[in-house]
C-alpha atoms as a PDB file:
ATOM      1  CA  MET A   1     -85.349  96.462 -52.226  1.00  0.00           C
ATOM      2  CA  SER A   2     -82.759  96.753 -54.973  1.00  0.00           C
ATOM      3  CA  PRO A   3     -81.844  93.754 -57.151  1.00  0.00           C
ATOM      4  CA  GLU A   4     -78.381  93.588 -55.564  1.00  0.00           C
ATOM      5  CA  THR A   5     -79.817  93.539 -52.046  1.00  0.00           C
ATOM      6  CA  ARG A   6     -82.362  90.911 -53.038  1.00  0.00           C
ATOM      7  CA  SER A   7     -79.590  88.738 -54.506  1.00  0.00           C
ATOM      8  CA  GLN A   8     -77.568  89.021 -51.300  1.00  0.00           C
ATOM      9  CA  ALA A   9     -80.578  88.134 -49.170  1.00  0.00           C
ATOM     10  CA  ILE A  10     -81.350  85.072 -51.297  1.00  0.00           C
ATOM     11  CA  ALA A  11     -77.725  83.920 -51.148  1.00  0.00           C
ATOM     12  CA  ALA A  12     -77.645  84.323 -47.359  1.00  0.00           C
ATOM     13  CA  ALA A  13     -80.936  82.426 -47.019  1.00  0.00           C
ATOM     14  CA  VAL A  14     -79.671  79.551 -49.161  1.00  0.00           C
ATOM     15  CA  ILE A  15     -76.463  79.352 -47.119  1.00  0.00           C
ATOM     16  CA  LEU A  16     -78.397  79.410 -43.827  1.00  0.00           C
ATOM     17  CA  VAL A  17     -80.827  76.706 -44.963  1.00  0.00           C
ATOM     18  CA  GLY A  18     -77.948  74.528 -46.187  1.00  0.00           C
ATOM     19  CA  ALA A  19     -76.020  75.036 -42.960  1.00  0.00           C
ATOM     20  CA  GLY A  20     -79.178  74.348 -40.944  1.00  0.00           C
ATOM     21  CA  LEU A  21     -79.630  71.020 -42.689  1.00  0.00           C
ATOM     22  CA  VAL A  22     -75.999  70.077 -42.096  1.00  0.00           C
ATOM     23  CA  ILE A  23     -76.244  71.025 -38.422  1.00  0.00           C
ATOM     24  CA  TYR A  24     -79.537  69.139 -38.080  1.00  0.00           C
ATOM     25  CA  PHE A  25     -77.977  65.939 -39.427  1.00  0.00           C
ATOM     26  CA  LEU A  26     -74.545  66.542 -37.840  1.00  0.00           C
ATOM     27  CA  PRO A  27     -75.044  64.193 -34.853  1.00  0.00           C
ATOM     28  CA  THR A  28     -76.097  61.323 -37.135  1.00  0.00           C
ATOM     29  CA  ILE A  29     -73.163  61.935 -39.473  1.00  0.00           C
ATOM     30  CA  VAL A  30     -70.618  62.180 -36.651  1.00  0.00           C
ATOM     31  CA  LEU A  31     -71.954  59.108 -34.838  1.00  0.00           C
ATOM     32  CA  GLY A  32     -71.892  57.109 -38.059  1.00  0.00           C
ATOM     33  CA  ILE A  33     -68.313  58.089 -38.796  1.00  0.00           C
ATOM     34  CA  GLY A  34     -67.419  57.773 -35.100  1.00  0.00           C
ATOM     35  CA  GLU A  35     -68.268  54.062 -35.179  1.00  0.00           C
ATOM     36  CA  PHE A  36     -65.440  53.662 -37.673  1.00  0.00           C
ATOM     37  CA  SER A  37     -63.001  56.086 -36.026  1.00  0.00           C
ATOM     38  CA  PRO A  38     -63.748  58.478 -33.144  1.00  0.00           C
ATOM     39  CA  ALA A  39     -60.944  60.822 -34.202  1.00  0.00           C
ATOM     40  CA  LEU A  40     -62.263  60.967 -37.761  1.00  0.00           C
ATOM     41  CA  GLY A  41     -65.759  61.660 -36.415  1.00  0.00           C
ATOM     42  CA  PHE A  42     -64.397  64.588 -34.424  1.00  0.00           C
ATOM     43  CA  ILE A  43     -62.486  65.948 -37.421  1.00  0.00           C
ATOM     44  CA  VAL A  44     -65.507  65.703 -39.722  1.00  0.00           C
ATOM     45  CA  GLY A  45     -67.782  67.341 -37.143  1.00  0.00           C
ATOM     46  CA  ALA A  46     -65.348  70.188 -36.577  1.00  0.00           C
ATOM     47  CA  ALA A  47     -64.859  70.669 -40.328  1.00  0.00           C
ATOM     48  CA  LEU A  48     -68.614  70.866 -40.932  1.00  0.00           C
ATOM     49  CA  LEU A  49     -69.098  73.431 -38.176  1.00  0.00           C
ATOM     50  CA  LEU A  50     -66.126  75.526 -39.270  1.00  0.00           C
ATOM     51  CA  GLY A  51     -67.312  75.284 -42.877  1.00  0.00           C
ATOM     52  CA  PHE A  52     -70.391  77.304 -41.947  1.00  0.00           C
ATOM     53  CA  PHE A  53     -68.215  80.229 -40.859  1.00  0.00           C
ATOM     54  CA  ALA A  54     -65.775  79.764 -43.732  1.00  0.00           C
ATOM     55  CA  ILE A  55     -68.568  80.185 -46.283  1.00  0.00           C
ATOM     56  CA  PHE A  56     -69.570  83.559 -44.841  1.00  0.00           C
ATOM     57  CA  TRP A  57     -65.916  84.626 -44.562  1.00  0.00           C
ATOM     58  CA  LEU A  58     -65.274  83.762 -48.213  1.00  0.00           C
ATOM     59  CA  ARG A  59     -68.464  85.500 -49.294  1.00  0.00           C
ATOM     60  CA  ALA A  60     -67.460  88.646 -47.396  1.00  0.00           C
ATOM     61  CA  ARG A  61     -64.044  88.635 -49.088  1.00  0.00           C
ATOM     62  CA  TYR A  62     -65.699  88.239 -52.487  1.00  0.00           C
ATOM     63  CA  GLN A  63     -68.137  91.081 -51.789  1.00  0.00           C
ATOM     64  CA  ARG A  64     -65.314  93.386 -50.659  1.00  0.00           C
ATOM     65  CA  ARG A  65     -63.500  92.901 -53.969  1.00  0.00           C
ATOM     66  CA  LYS A  66     -66.633  93.606 -55.990  1.00  0.00           C
END
């Protein structure tokens, strides 16, 4: 495994673990915010889920430029 490949694998693992934690706690976060405003709870939940895909999209764009 080359150093570049190892770096990419570590970065992907860190992103997946971080996203896993967010998704694990997502119901608690959304319900907590939803008590204040259901619409805001929906927006925050959608933003957190879309953020997972946005991170990989941005990383792919960065890697293409490199």
